[in-house]
C-alpha cells in the first residue's frame, strides 16, 4: 500500500510540474488561479489572506526578474 501511495504521489508531482508550465512563470491569470484554488478546494486548505496573496507575490517577483534582466 505504501508503494502505491508513493507511485501516486510521484504521478501527482509530475502532473503538477506540467501544470505549472502552463502558468508561464505565474504570468497567466487563469492557470495561476487554478493552481492556487486547487490547494484550497481539493486539499481543504484554508482560504486565508496569505494563501490568496502569495501567488500574486510570486507573479510580482517574476515580473521584477524579467524587467531587471532586460536592462
Protein backbone atom coordinates (compact mmCIF):
# COMPACT_ATOMS: atom_id res chain seq x y z
CA UNK A 1 0.00 0.00 0.00
CA UNK A 2 2.84 2.37 0.81
CA UNK A 3 4.42 1.79 -2.59
CA UNK A 4 1.12 2.51 -4.29
CA UNK A 5 0.80 5.81 -2.43
CA UNK A 6 4.38 6.69 -3.34
CA UNK A 7 3.68 5.98 -7.02
CA UNK A 8 0.51 8.08 -6.95
CA UNK A 9 2.38 10.92 -5.24
CA UNK A 10 5.04 10.76 -7.96
CA UNK A 11 2.39 10.98 -10.67
CA UNK A 12 0.80 13.98 -8.95
CA UNK A 13 4.18 15.68 -8.74
CA UNK A 14 4.76 15.22 -12.46
CA UNK A 15 1.26 16.47 -13.28
CA UNK A 16 1.72 19.49 -11.01
CA UNK A 17 5.05 20.36 -12.68
CA UNK A 18 3.45 20.12 -16.12
CA UNK A 19 0.54 22.28 -14.94
CA UNK A 20 2.94 24.92 -13.66
CA UNK A 21 4.39 25.23 -17.17
CA UNK A 22 1.00 26.49 -18.34
CA UNK A 23 1.17 29.37 -15.86
CA UNK A 24 4.21 30.72 -17.77
CA UNK A 25 6.00 31.78 -14.61
CA UNK A 26 2.68 32.60 -12.92
CA UNK A 27 2.19 35.35 -15.51
CA UNK A 28 -1.03 33.86 -16.93
CA UNK A 29 -4.04 34.59 -14.74
CA UNK A 30 -6.29 31.53 -15.15
CA UNK A 31 -3.72 28.76 -14.70
CA UNK A 32 -2.27 30.65 -11.73
CA UNK A 33 -5.70 30.92 -10.12
CA UNK A 34 -6.35 27.21 -10.87
CA UNK A 35 -3.07 26.29 -9.16
CA UNK A 36 -3.88 28.31 -6.04
CA UNK A 37 -7.51 27.21 -5.91
CA UNK A 38 -6.66 23.52 -6.23
CA UNK A 39 -4.89 23.66 -2.90
CA UNK A 40 -7.87 25.34 -1.29
CA UNK A 41 -10.63 23.24 -2.87
CA UNK A 42 -9.09 19.80 -3.31
CA UNK A 43 -6.74 19.75 -0.35
CA UNK A 44 -9.03 21.54 2.08
CA UNK A 45 -6.54 24.29 2.82
CA UNK A 46 -7.98 27.41 4.46
CA UNK A 47 -8.58 30.38 2.14
CA UNK A 48 -6.50 32.75 4.25
CA UNK A 49 -5.34 36.14 3.07
CA UNK A 50 -1.77 34.86 2.97
CA UNK A 51 -2.72 31.90 0.80
CA UNK A 52 -4.61 34.13 -1.63
CA UNK A 53 -1.94 36.87 -1.81
CA UNK A 54 1.13 34.63 -2.08
CA UNK A 55 0.66 33.68 -5.78
CA UNK A 56 0.47 37.38 -6.65
CA UNK A 57 3.76 37.96 -4.82
CA UNK A 58 5.30 35.23 -6.96
CA UNK A 59 3.93 36.94 -10.07
CA UNK A 60 5.36 40.28 -8.92
CA UNK A 61 8.75 38.67 -8.29
CA UNK A 62 8.74 37.02 -11.72
CA UNK A 63 7.86 40.29 -13.41
CA UNK A 64 10.60 42.11 -11.49
CA UNK A 65 13.17 39.48 -12.50
CA UNK A 66 12.12 39.80 -16.15
CA UNK A 67 12.33 43.60 -16.03
CA UNK A 68 15.72 43.62 -14.31
CA UNK A 69 17.22 41.13 -16.77
CA UNK A 70 16.35 43.27 -19.81
CA UNK A 71 18.35 46.28 -18.63
